[in-house]
Amino acid sequence: TAPSGNAALEAYRNDAFDLLLLDLHMPELDGIQVAQAVRAIEQEQGLHRMAIALCTAYAREDAEGMAPSAIFDAYLGKPVSRRDLCDLVRWITRSQS
C-alpha cells in the first residue's frame, strides 16, 4: 500500500508488481496521474505494460469518462468486494500466463 500518489509512483519505480490498484482520489497525485506516469515510463524505457486497475466510487461509465481508456485495464467499484478483488487477481494471472 502507498499513502499517496507520489508514494505509489515511487514504489512502482523501485519494486516489481504484477498489478497496480489505484484509487481515483489520492493525496498529491490521483490515480489517473499515477497511471499516466506509469504508461509514460513504460514507453520511455520500453517496458512491458503493467496491469493497472482503477478503484473508484464513481460508476464505471463516469470513471471511464474522466480517464483516458487506454491507461487502465480494469475498473473496480467501491466498496471493493472480496469477490471482485479475487476476480481481478485471477484475470491478471490468466492474462500474464
PDB file of N, CA and C in Angstrom:
ATOM      1  N   THR A   1       0.840  -1.186   0.000  1.00  0.00           N
ATOM      2  CA  THR A   1       0.000   0.000   0.000  1.00  0.00           C
ATOM      3  C   THR A   1       0.875   1.235   0.000  1.00  0.00           C
ATOM      4  N   ALA A   2       0.313   2.312  -0.469  1.00  0.00           N
ATOM      5  CA  ALA A   2       1.024   3.592  -0.512  1.00  0.00           C
ATOM      6  C   ALA A   2       0.080   4.682  -0.004  1.00  0.00           C
ATOM      7  N   PRO A   3       0.587   5.600   0.799  1.00  0.00           N
ATOM      8  CA  PRO A   3      -0.269   6.633   1.380  1.00  0.00           C
ATOM      9  C   PRO A   3      -0.603   7.783   0.430  1.00  0.00           C
ATOM     10  N   SER A   4       0.044   7.826  -0.735  1.00  0.00           N
ATOM     11  CA  SER A   4      -0.201   8.924  -1.675  1.00  0.00           C
ATOM     12  C   SER A   4       0.136   8.475  -3.091  1.00  0.00           C
ATOM     13  N   GLY A   5      -0.267   9.299  -4.044  1.00  0.00           N
ATOM     14  CA  GLY A   5       0.073   9.004  -5.425  1.00  0.00           C
ATOM     15  C   GLY A   5       1.568   9.041  -5.684  1.00  0.00           C
ATOM     16  N   ASN A   6       2.246  10.014  -5.076  1.00  0.00           N
ATOM     17  CA  ASN A   6       3.706  10.067  -5.235  1.00  0.00           C
ATOM     18  C   ASN A   6       4.365   8.818  -4.676  1.00  0.00           C
ATOM     19  N   ALA A   7       3.895   8.353  -3.528  1.00  0.00           N
ATOM     20  CA  ALA A   7       4.456   7.137  -2.920  1.00  0.00           C
ATOM     21  C   ALA A   7       4.173   5.913  -3.800  1.00  0.00           C
ATOM     22  N   ALA A   8       2.986   5.875  -4.415  1.00  0.00           N
ATOM     23  CA  ALA A   8       2.662   4.758  -5.315  1.00  0.00           C
ATOM     24  C   ALA A   8       3.583   4.751  -6.524  1.00  0.00           C
ATOM     25  N   LEU A   9       3.831   5.928  -7.083  1.00  0.00           N
ATOM     26  CA  LEU A   9       4.719   6.023  -8.240  1.00  0.00           C
ATOM     27  C   LEU A   9       6.149   5.647  -7.860  1.00  0.00           C
ATOM     28  N   GLU A  10       6.582   6.059  -6.710  1.00  0.00           N
ATOM     29  CA  GLU A  10       7.917   5.712  -6.231  1.00  0.00           C
ATOM     30  C   GLU A  10       8.038   4.197  -6.016  1.00  0.00           C
ATOM     31  N   ALA A  11       6.998   3.596  -5.450  1.00  0.00           N
ATOM     32  CA  ALA A  11       7.008   2.141  -5.258  1.00  0.00           C
ATOM     33  C   ALA A  11       7.080   1.427  -6.602  1.00  0.00           C
ATOM     34  N   TYR A  12       6.333   1.908  -7.592  1.00  0.00           N
ATOM     35  CA  TYR A  12       6.379   1.312  -8.932  1.00  0.00           C
ATOM     36  C   TYR A  12       7.793   1.369  -9.495  1.00  0.00           C
ATOM     37  N   ARG A  13       8.450   2.490  -9.305  1.00  0.00           N
ATOM     38  CA  ARG A  13       9.811   2.658  -9.841  1.00  0.00           C
ATOM     39  C   ARG A  13      10.830   1.748  -9.157  1.00  0.00           C
ATOM     40  N   ASN A  14      10.581   1.407  -7.887  1.00  0.00           N
ATOM     41  CA  ASN A  14      11.593   0.694  -7.097  1.00  0.00           C
ATOM     42  C   ASN A  14      11.310  -0.780  -6.851  1.00  0.00           C
ATOM     43  N   ASP A  15      10.095  -1.243  -7.100  1.00  0.00           N
ATOM     44  CA  ASP A  15       9.728  -2.623  -6.797  1.00  0.00           C
ATOM     45  C   ASP A  15       9.071  -3.274  -8.002  1.00  0.00           C
ATOM     46  N   ALA A  16       8.947  -4.585  -7.963  1.00  0.00           N
ATOM     47  CA  ALA A  16       8.282  -5.335  -9.031  1.00  0.00           C
ATOM     48  C   ALA A  16       6.857  -5.675  -8.596  1.00  0.00           C
ATOM     49  N   PHE A  17       5.898  -5.366  -9.454  1.00  0.00           N
ATOM     50  CA  PHE A  17       4.497  -5.653  -9.176  1.00  0.00           C
ATOM     51  C   PHE A  17       3.865  -6.344 -10.374  1.00  0.00           C
ATOM     52  N   ASP A  18       2.811  -7.099 -10.128  1.00  0.00           N
ATOM     53  CA  ASP A  18       2.019  -7.693 -11.201  1.00  0.00           C
ATOM     54  C   ASP A  18       0.805  -6.834 -11.522  1.00  0.00           C
ATOM     55  N   LEU A  19       0.413  -5.987 -10.574  1.00  0.00           N
ATOM     56  CA  LEU A  19      -0.799  -5.186 -10.711  1.00  0.00           C
ATOM     57  C   LEU A  19      -0.677  -3.933  -9.858  1.00  0.00           C
ATOM     58  N   LEU A  20      -1.129  -2.817 -10.412  1.00  0.00           N
ATOM     59  CA  LEU A  20      -1.299  -1.602  -9.619  1.00  0.00           C
ATOM     60  C   LEU A  20      -2.788  -1.372  -9.462  1.00  0.00           C
ATOM     61  N   LEU A  21      -3.244  -1.264  -8.238  1.00  0.00           N
ATOM     62  CA  LEU A  21      -4.638  -0.958  -7.930  1.00  0.00           C
ATOM     63  C   LEU A  21      -4.633   0.453  -7.369  1.00  0.00           C
ATOM     64  N   LEU A  22      -5.098   1.394  -8.177  1.00  0.00           N
ATOM     65  CA  LEU A  22      -5.020   2.807  -7.833  1.00  0.00           C
ATOM     66  C   LEU A  22      -6.394   3.372  -7.532  1.00  0.00           C
ATOM     67  N   ASP A  23      -6.469   4.143  -6.478  1.00  0.00           N
ATOM     68  CA  ASP A  23      -7.696   4.853  -6.147  1.00  0.00           C
ATOM     69  C   ASP A  23      -7.762   6.099  -7.027  1.00  0.00           C
ATOM     70  N   LEU A  24      -8.954   6.447  -7.442  1.00  0.00           N
ATOM     71  CA  LEU A  24      -9.104   7.657  -8.244  1.00  0.00           C
ATOM     72  C   LEU A  24      -8.640   8.879  -7.453  1.00  0.00           C
ATOM     73  N   HIS A  25      -9.023   8.957  -6.189  1.00  0.00           N
ATOM     74  CA  HIS A  25      -8.674  10.102  -5.354  1.00  0.00           C
ATOM     75  C   HIS A  25      -7.620   9.701  -4.335  1.00  0.00           C
ATOM     76  N   MET A  26      -6.403  10.236  -4.516  1.00  0.00           N
ATOM     77  CA  MET A  26      -5.300  10.012  -3.582  1.00  0.00           C
ATOM     78  C   MET A  26      -4.630  11.362  -3.345  1.00  0.00           C
ATOM     79  N   PRO A  27      -3.970  11.529  -2.207  1.00  0.00           N
ATOM     80  CA  PRO A  27      -3.222  12.768  -1.983  1.00  0.00           C
ATOM     81  C   PRO A  27      -2.095  12.925  -3.007  1.00  0.00           C
ATOM     82  N   GLU A  28      -1.763  14.143  -3.309  1.00  0.00           N
ATOM     83  CA  GLU A  28      -0.665  14.533  -4.195  1.00  0.00           C
ATOM     84  C   GLU A  28      -0.972  14.236  -5.660  1.00  0.00           C
ATOM     85  N   LEU A  29      -0.847  13.013  -6.089  1.00  0.00           N
ATOM     86  CA  LEU A  29      -1.217  12.609  -7.448  1.00  0.00           C
ATOM     87  C   LEU A  29      -2.424  11.696  -7.353  1.00  0.00           C
ATOM     88  N   ASP A  30      -3.401  11.877  -8.244  1.00  0.00           N
ATOM     89  CA  ASP A  30      -4.542  10.956  -8.218  1.00  0.00           C
ATOM     90  C   ASP A  30      -4.220   9.719  -9.049  1.00  0.00           C
ATOM     91  N   GLY A  31      -5.112   8.765  -9.037  1.00  0.00           N
ATOM     92  CA  GLY A  31      -4.880   7.507  -9.740  1.00  0.00           C
ATOM     93  C   GLY A  31      -4.659   7.675 -11.226  1.00  0.00           C
ATOM     94  N   ILE A  32      -5.340   8.641 -11.825  1.00  0.00           N
ATOM     95  CA  ILE A  32      -5.163   8.890 -13.260  1.00  0.00           C
ATOM     96  C   ILE A  32      -3.753   9.408 -13.531  1.00  0.00           C
ATOM     97  N   GLN A  33      -3.298  10.345 -12.715  1.00  0.00           N
ATOM     98  CA  GLN A  33      -1.954  10.896 -12.903  1.00  0.00           C
ATOM     99  C   GLN A  33      -0.870   9.833 -12.702  1.00  0.00           C
ATOM    100  N   VAL A  34      -1.055   8.979 -11.715  1.00  0.00           N
ATOM    101  CA  VAL A  34      -0.079   7.907 -11.485  1.00  0.00           C
ATOM    102  C   VAL A  34      -0.063   6.964 -12.693  1.00  0.00           C
ATOM    103  N   ALA A  35      -1.237   6.579 -13.161  1.00  0.00           N
ATOM    104  CA  ALA A  35      -1.311   5.665 -14.306  1.00  0.00           C
ATOM    105  C   ALA A  35      -0.688   6.289 -15.551  1.00  0.00           C
ATOM    106  N   GLN A  36      -0.941   7.574 -15.788  1.00  0.00           N
ATOM    107  CA  GLN A  36      -0.339   8.242 -16.937  1.00  0.00           C
ATOM    108  C   GLN A  36       1.188   8.258 -16.821  1.00  0.00           C
ATOM    109  N   ALA A  37       1.685   8.493 -15.618  1.00  0.00           N
ATOM    110  CA  ALA A  37       3.135   8.488 -15.407  1.00  0.00           C
ATOM    111  C   ALA A  37       3.718   7.099 -15.653  1.00  0.00           C
ATOM    112  N   VAL A  38       3.035   6.064 -15.181  1.00  0.00           N
ATOM    113  CA  VAL A  38       3.496   4.689 -15.399  1.00  0.00           C
ATOM    114  C   VAL A  38       3.537   4.380 -16.893  1.00  0.00           C
ATOM    115  N   ARG A  39       2.476   4.749 -17.614  1.00  0.00           N
ATOM    116  CA  ARG A  39       2.444   4.487 -19.061  1.00  0.00           C
ATOM    117  C   ARG A  39       3.568   5.238 -19.779  1.00  0.00           C
ATOM    118  N   ALA A  40       3.872   6.459 -19.334  1.00  0.00           N
ATOM    119  CA  ALA A  40       4.968   7.220 -19.949  1.00  0.00           C
ATOM    120  C   ALA A  40       6.312   6.548 -19.680  1.00  0.00           C
ATOM    121  N   ILE A  41       6.517   6.074 -18.457  1.00  0.00           N
ATOM    122  CA  ILE A  41       7.755   5.366 -18.111  1.00  0.00           C
ATOM    123  C   ILE A  41       7.896   4.103 -18.949  1.00  0.00           C
ATOM    124  N   GLU A  42       6.794   3.370 -19.102  1.00  0.00           N
ATOM    125  CA  GLU A  42       6.833   2.148 -19.919  1.00  0.00           C
ATOM    126  C   GLU A  42       7.276   2.465 -21.342  1.00  0.00           C
ATOM    127  N   GLN A  43       6.713   3.515 -21.921  1.00  0.00           N
ATOM    128  CA  GLN A  43       7.066   3.885 -23.290  1.00  0.00           C
ATOM    129  C   GLN A  43       8.516   4.340 -23.386  1.00  0.00           C
ATOM    130  N   GLU A  44       8.925   5.199 -22.472  1.00  0.00           N
ATOM    131  CA  GLU A  44      10.291   5.741 -22.499  1.00  0.00           C
ATOM    132  C   GLU A  44      11.338   4.644 -22.338  1.00  0.00           C
ATOM    133  N   GLN A  45      11.044   3.654 -21.492  1.00  0.00           N
ATOM    134  CA  GLN A  45      12.032   2.626 -21.171  1.00  0.00           C
ATOM    135  C   GLN A  45      11.795   1.308 -21.895  1.00  0.00           C
ATOM    136  N   GLY A  46      10.770   1.255 -22.734  1.00  0.00           N
ATOM    137  CA  GLY A  46      10.479   0.031 -23.472  1.00  0.00           C
ATOM    138  C   GLY A  46      10.065  -1.129 -22.581  1.00  0.00           C
ATOM    139  N   LEU A  47       9.359  -0.827 -21.502  1.00  0.00           N
ATOM    140  CA  LEU A  47       8.933  -1.858 -20.544  1.00  0.00           C
ATOM    141  C   LEU A  47       7.618  -2.495 -20.973  1.00  0.00           C
ATOM    142  N   HIS A  48       7.383  -3.706 -20.475  1.00  0.00           N
ATOM    143  CA  HIS A  48       6.100  -4.361 -20.701  1.00  0.00           C
ATOM    144  C   HIS A  48       5.006  -3.595 -19.980  1.00  0.00           C
ATOM    145  N   ARG A  49       3.810  -3.691 -20.515  1.00  0.00           N
ATOM    146  CA  ARG A  49       2.661  -2.980 -19.940  1.00  0.00           C
ATOM    147  C   ARG A  49       2.274  -3.592 -18.598  1.00  0.00           C
ATOM    148  N   MET A  50       2.251  -2.741 -17.583  1.00  0.00           N
ATOM    149  CA  MET A  50       1.817  -3.124 -16.235  1.00  0.00           C
ATOM    150  C   MET A  50       0.288  -3.131 -16.209  1.00  0.00           C
ATOM    151  N   ALA A  51      -0.298  -4.112 -15.567  1.00  0.00           N
ATOM    152  CA  ALA A  51      -1.742  -4.128 -15.380  1.00  0.00           C
ATOM    153  C   ALA A  51      -2.100  -3.075 -14.334  1.00  0.00           C
ATOM    154  N   ILE A  52      -3.033  -2.189 -14.686  1.00  0.00           N
ATOM    155  CA  ILE A  52      -3.466  -1.134 -13.779  1.00  0.00           C
ATOM    156  C   ILE A  52      -4.979  -1.141 -13.690  1.00  0.00           C
ATOM    157  N   ALA A  53      -5.479  -1.203 -12.463  1.00  0.00           N
ATOM    158  CA  ALA A  53      -6.913  -1.142 -12.213  1.00  0.00           C
ATOM    159  C   ALA A  53      -7.218   0.137 -11.438  1.00  0.00           C
ATOM    160  N   LEU A  54      -8.308   0.793 -11.793  1.00  0.00           N
ATOM    161  CA  LEU A  54      -8.749   1.997 -11.106  1.00  0.00           C
ATOM    162  C   LEU A  54      -9.875   1.638 -10.148  1.00  0.00           C
ATOM    163  N   CYS A  55      -9.716   2.043  -8.918  1.00  0.00           N
ATOM    164  CA  CYS A  55     -10.722   1.806  -7.890  1.00  0.00           C
ATOM    165  C   CYS A  55     -11.419   3.135  -7.611  1.00  0.00           C
ATOM    166  N   THR A  56     -12.736   3.153  -7.736  1.00  0.00           N
ATOM    167  CA  THR A  56     -13.463   4.403  -7.578  1.00  0.00           C
ATOM    168  C   THR A  56     -14.897   4.172  -7.118  1.00  0.00           C
ATOM    169  N   ALA A  57     -15.445   5.177  -6.465  1.00  0.00           N
ATOM    170  CA  ALA A  57     -16.847   5.133  -6.062  1.00  0.00           C
ATOM    171  C   ALA A  57     -17.751   5.580  -7.204  1.00  0.00           C
ATOM    172  N   TYR A  58     -17.175   6.161  -8.248  1.00  0.00           N
ATOM    173  CA  TYR A  58     -17.946   6.567  -9.409  1.00  0.00           C
ATOM    174  C   TYR A  58     -18.405   5.349 -10.191  1.00  0.00           C
ATOM    175  N   ALA A  59     -19.480   5.491 -10.933  1.00  0.00           N
ATOM    176  CA  ALA A  59     -19.911   4.437 -11.839  1.00  0.00           C
ATOM    177  C   ALA A  59     -18.833   4.263 -12.905  1.00  0.00           C
ATOM    178  N   ARG A  60     -18.711   3.060 -13.413  1.00  0.00           N
ATOM    179  CA  ARG A  60     -17.666   2.768 -14.405  1.00  0.00           C
ATOM    180  C   ARG A  60     -17.729   3.741 -15.579  1.00  0.00           C
ATOM    181  N   GLU A  61     -18.918   4.026 -16.058  1.00  0.00           N
ATOM    182  CA  GLU A  61     -19.059   4.919 -17.206  1.00  0.00           C
ATOM    183  C   GLU A  61     -18.535   6.314 -16.871  1.00  0.00           C
ATOM    184  N   ASP A  62     -18.823   6.784 -15.653  1.00  0.00           N
ATOM    185  CA  ASP A  62     -18.324   8.094 -15.235  1.00  0.00           C
ATOM    186  C   ASP A  62     -16.808   8.080 -15.109  1.00  0.00           C
ATOM    187  N   ALA A  63     -16.258   7.018 -14.522  1.00  0.00           N
ATOM    188  CA  ALA A  63     -14.805   6.906 -14.356  1.00  0.00           C
ATOM    189  C   ALA A  63     -14.123   6.830 -15.710  1.00  0.00           C
ATOM    190  N   GLU A  64     -14.696   6.093 -16.641  1.00  0.00           N
ATOM    191  CA  GLU A  64     -14.104   5.985 -17.969  1.00  0.00           C
ATOM    192  C   GLU A  64     -14.129   7.332 -18.684  1.00  0.00           C
ATOM    193  N   GLY A  65     -15.139   8.151 -18.380  1.00  0.00           N
ATOM    194  CA  GLY A  65     -15.213   9.480 -18.972  1.00  0.00           C
ATOM    195  C   GLY A  65     -14.148  10.422 -18.427  1.00  0.00           C
ATOM    196  N   MET A  66     -13.681  10.175 -17.221  1.00  0.00           N
ATOM    197  CA  MET A  66     -12.659  11.018 -16.594  1.00  0.00           C
ATOM    198  C   MET A  66     -11.250  10.609 -16.983  1.00  0.00           C
ATOM    199  N   ALA A  67     -11.066   9.345 -17.296  1.00  0.00           N
ATOM    200  CA  ALA A  67      -9.724   8.812 -17.534  1.00  0.00           C
ATOM    201  C   ALA A  67      -9.603   8.305 -18.966  1.00  0.00           C
ATOM    202  N   PRO A  68      -8.479   8.584 -19.612  1.00  0.00           N
ATOM    203  CA  PRO A  68      -8.276   8.001 -20.938  1.00  0.00           C
ATOM    204  C   PRO A  68      -8.363   6.475 -20.859  1.00  0.00           C
ATOM    205  N   SER A  69      -9.184   5.875 -21.684  1.00  0.00           N
ATOM    206  CA  SER A  69      -9.441   4.434 -21.581  1.00  0.00           C
ATOM    207  C   SER A  69      -8.209   3.580 -21.796  1.00  0.00           C
ATOM    208  N   ALA A  70      -7.225   4.090 -22.496  1.00  0.00           N
ATOM    209  CA  ALA A  70      -6.038   3.283 -22.809  1.00  0.00           C
ATOM    210  C   ALA A  70      -5.113   3.087 -21.619  1.00  0.00           C
ATOM    211  N   ILE A  71      -5.310   3.836 -20.532  1.00  0.00           N
ATOM    212  CA  ILE A  71      -4.346   3.702 -19.438  1.00  0.00           C
ATOM    213  C   ILE A  71      -4.750   2.678 -18.389  1.00  0.00           C
ATOM    214  N   PHE A  72      -6.037   2.327 -18.329  1.00  0.00           N
ATOM    215  CA  PHE A  72      -6.492   1.364 -17.324  1.00  0.00           C
ATOM    216  C   PHE A  72      -6.928   0.060 -17.971  1.00  0.00           C
ATOM    217  N   ASP A  73      -6.641  -1.031 -17.281  1.00  0.00           N
ATOM    218  CA  ASP A  73      -7.029  -2.354 -17.767  1.00  0.00           C
ATOM    219  C   ASP A  73      -8.313  -2.849 -17.117  1.00  0.00           C
ATOM    220  N   ALA A  74      -8.652  -2.278 -15.969  1.00  0.00           N
ATOM    221  CA  ALA A  74      -9.841  -2.722 -15.238  1.00  0.00           C
ATOM    222  C   ALA A  74     -10.314  -1.604 -14.317  1.00  0.00           C
ATOM    223  N   TYR A  75     -11.564  -1.689 -13.956  1.00  0.00           N
ATOM    224  CA  TYR A  75     -12.174  -0.761 -13.011  1.00  0.00           C
ATOM    225  C   TYR A  75     -12.829  -1.558 -11.902  1.00  0.00           C
ATOM    226  N   LEU A  76     -12.654  -1.111 -10.668  1.00  0.00           N
ATOM    227  CA  LEU A  76     -13.326  -1.723  -9.521  1.00  0.00           C
ATOM    228  C   LEU A  76     -14.131  -0.648  -8.813  1.00  0.00           C
ATOM    229  N   GLY A  77     -15.399  -0.951  -8.559  1.00  0.00           N
ATOM    230  CA  GLY A  77     -16.240  -0.020  -7.837  1.00  0.00           C
ATOM    231  C   GLY A  77     -16.076  -0.182  -6.336  1.00  0.00           C
ATOM    232  N   LYS A  78     -16.278   0.925  -5.633  1.00  0.00           N
ATOM    233  CA  LYS A  78     -16.231   0.896  -4.165  1.00  0.00           C
ATOM    234  C   LYS A  78     -17.642   0.706  -3.643  1.00  0.00           C
ATOM    235  N   PRO A  79     -17.814   0.039  -2.570  1.00  0.00           N
ATOM    236  CA  PRO A  79     -16.765  -0.678  -1.853  1.00  0.00           C
ATOM    237  C   PRO A  79     -16.327  -1.911  -2.641  1.00  0.00           C
ATOM    238  N   VAL A  80     -15.046  -2.198  -2.583  1.00  0.00           N
ATOM    239  CA  VAL A  80     -14.492  -3.341  -3.306  1.00  0.00           C
ATOM    240  C   VAL A  80     -14.832  -4.610  -2.536  1.00  0.00           C
ATOM    241  N   SER A  81     -15.474  -5.529  -3.209  1.00  0.00           N
ATOM    242  CA  SER A  81     -15.802  -6.797  -2.562  1.00  0.00           C
ATOM    243  C   SER A  81     -14.626  -7.763  -2.704  1.00  0.00           C
ATOM    244  N   ARG A  82     -14.564  -8.694  -1.819  1.00  0.00           N
ATOM    245  CA  ARG A  82     -13.531  -9.728  -1.887  1.00  0.00           C
ATOM    246  C   ARG A  82     -13.635 -10.480  -3.213  1.00  0.00           C
ATOM    247  N   ARG A  83     -14.854 -10.736  -3.634  1.00  0.00           N
ATOM    248  CA  ARG A  83     -15.067 -11.471  -4.892  1.00  0.00           C
ATOM    249  C   ARG A  83     -14.527 -10.683  -6.085  1.00  0.00           C
ATOM    250  N   ASP A  84     -14.824  -9.373  -6.126  1.00  0.00           N
ATOM    251  CA  ASP A  84     -14.318  -8.552  -7.231  1.00  0.00           C
ATOM    252  C   ASP A  84     -12.798  -8.521  -7.251  1.00  0.00           C
ATOM    253  N   LEU A  85     -12.199  -8.408  -6.080  1.00  0.00           N
ATOM    254  CA  LEU A  85     -10.740  -8.387  -5.994  1.00  0.00           C
ATOM    255  C   LEU A  85     -10.151  -9.724  -6.431  1.00  0.00           C
ATOM    256  N   CYS A  86     -10.748 -10.814  -5.988  1.00  0.00           N
ATOM    257  CA  CYS A  86     -10.281 -12.149  -6.406  1.00  0.00           C
ATOM    258  C   CYS A  86     -10.435 -12.342  -7.909  1.00  0.00           C
ATOM    259  N   ASP A  87     -11.559 -11.883  -8.466  1.00  0.00           N
ATOM    260  CA  ASP A  87     -11.770 -11.974  -9.919  1.00  0.00           C
ATOM    261  C   ASP A  87     -10.702 -11.179 -10.666  1.00  0.00           C
ATOM    262  N   LEU A  88     -10.356 -10.003 -10.155  1.00  0.00           N
ATOM    263  CA  LEU A  88      -9.328  -9.185 -10.783  1.00  0.00           C
ATOM    264  C   LEU A  88      -7.981  -9.898 -10.753  1.00  0.00           C
ATOM    265  N   VAL A  89      -7.622 -10.464  -9.617  1.00  0.00           N
ATOM    266  CA  VAL A  89      -6.346 -11.168  -9.496  1.00  0.00           C
ATOM    267  C   VAL A  89      -6.317 -12.382 -10.432  1.00  0.00           C
ATOM    268  N   ARG A  90      -7.414 -13.113 -10.515  1.00  0.00           N
ATOM    269  CA  ARG A  90      -7.476 -14.260 -11.436  1.00  0.00           C
ATOM    270  C   ARG A  90      -7.306 -13.801 -12.876  1.00  0.00           C
ATOM    271  N   TRP A  91      -7.967 -12.705 -13.241  1.00  0.00           N
ATOM    272  CA  TRP A  91      -7.878 -12.183 -14.605  1.00  0.00           C
ATOM    273  C   TRP A  91      -6.440 -11.779 -14.922  1.00  0.00           C
ATOM    274  N   ILE A  92      -5.782 -11.103 -13.981  1.00  0.00           N
ATOM    275  CA  ILE A  92      -4.387 -10.698 -14.178  1.00  0.00           C
ATOM    276  C   ILE A  92      -3.497 -11.928 -14.326  1.00  0.00           C
ATOM    277  N   THR A  93      -3.715 -12.924 -13.495  1.00  0.00           N
ATOM    278  CA  THR A  93      -2.913 -14.147 -13.544  1.00  0.00           C
ATOM    279  C   THR A  93      -3.062 -14.834 -14.891  1.00  0.00           C
ATOM    280  N   ARG A  94      -4.293 -14.930 -15.380  1.00  0.00           N
ATOM    281  CA  ARG A  94      -4.523 -15.576 -16.691  1.00  0.00           C
ATOM    282  C   ARG A  94      -3.914 -14.759 -17.824  1.00  0.00           C
ATOM    283  N   SER A  95      -4.021 -13.445 -17.752  1.00  0.00           N
ATOM    284  CA  SER A  95      -3.525 -12.614 -18.857  1.00  0.00           C
ATOM    285  C   SER A  95      -2.015 -12.557 -18.911  1.00  0.00           C
ATOM    286  N   GLN A  96      -1.358 -12.874 -17.796  1.00  0.00           N
ATOM    287  CA  GLN A  96       0.101 -12.844 -17.772  1.00  0.00           C
ATOM    288  C   GLN A  96       0.722 -14.218 -18.006  1.00  0.00           C
ATOM    289  N   SER A  97      -0.096 -15.230 -18.173  1.00  0.00           N
ATOM    290  CA  SER A  97       0.435 -16.582 -18.388  1.00  0.00           C
ATOM    291  C   SER A  97       0.896 -16.756 -19.821  1.00  0.00           C
TER     292      SER A  97
END
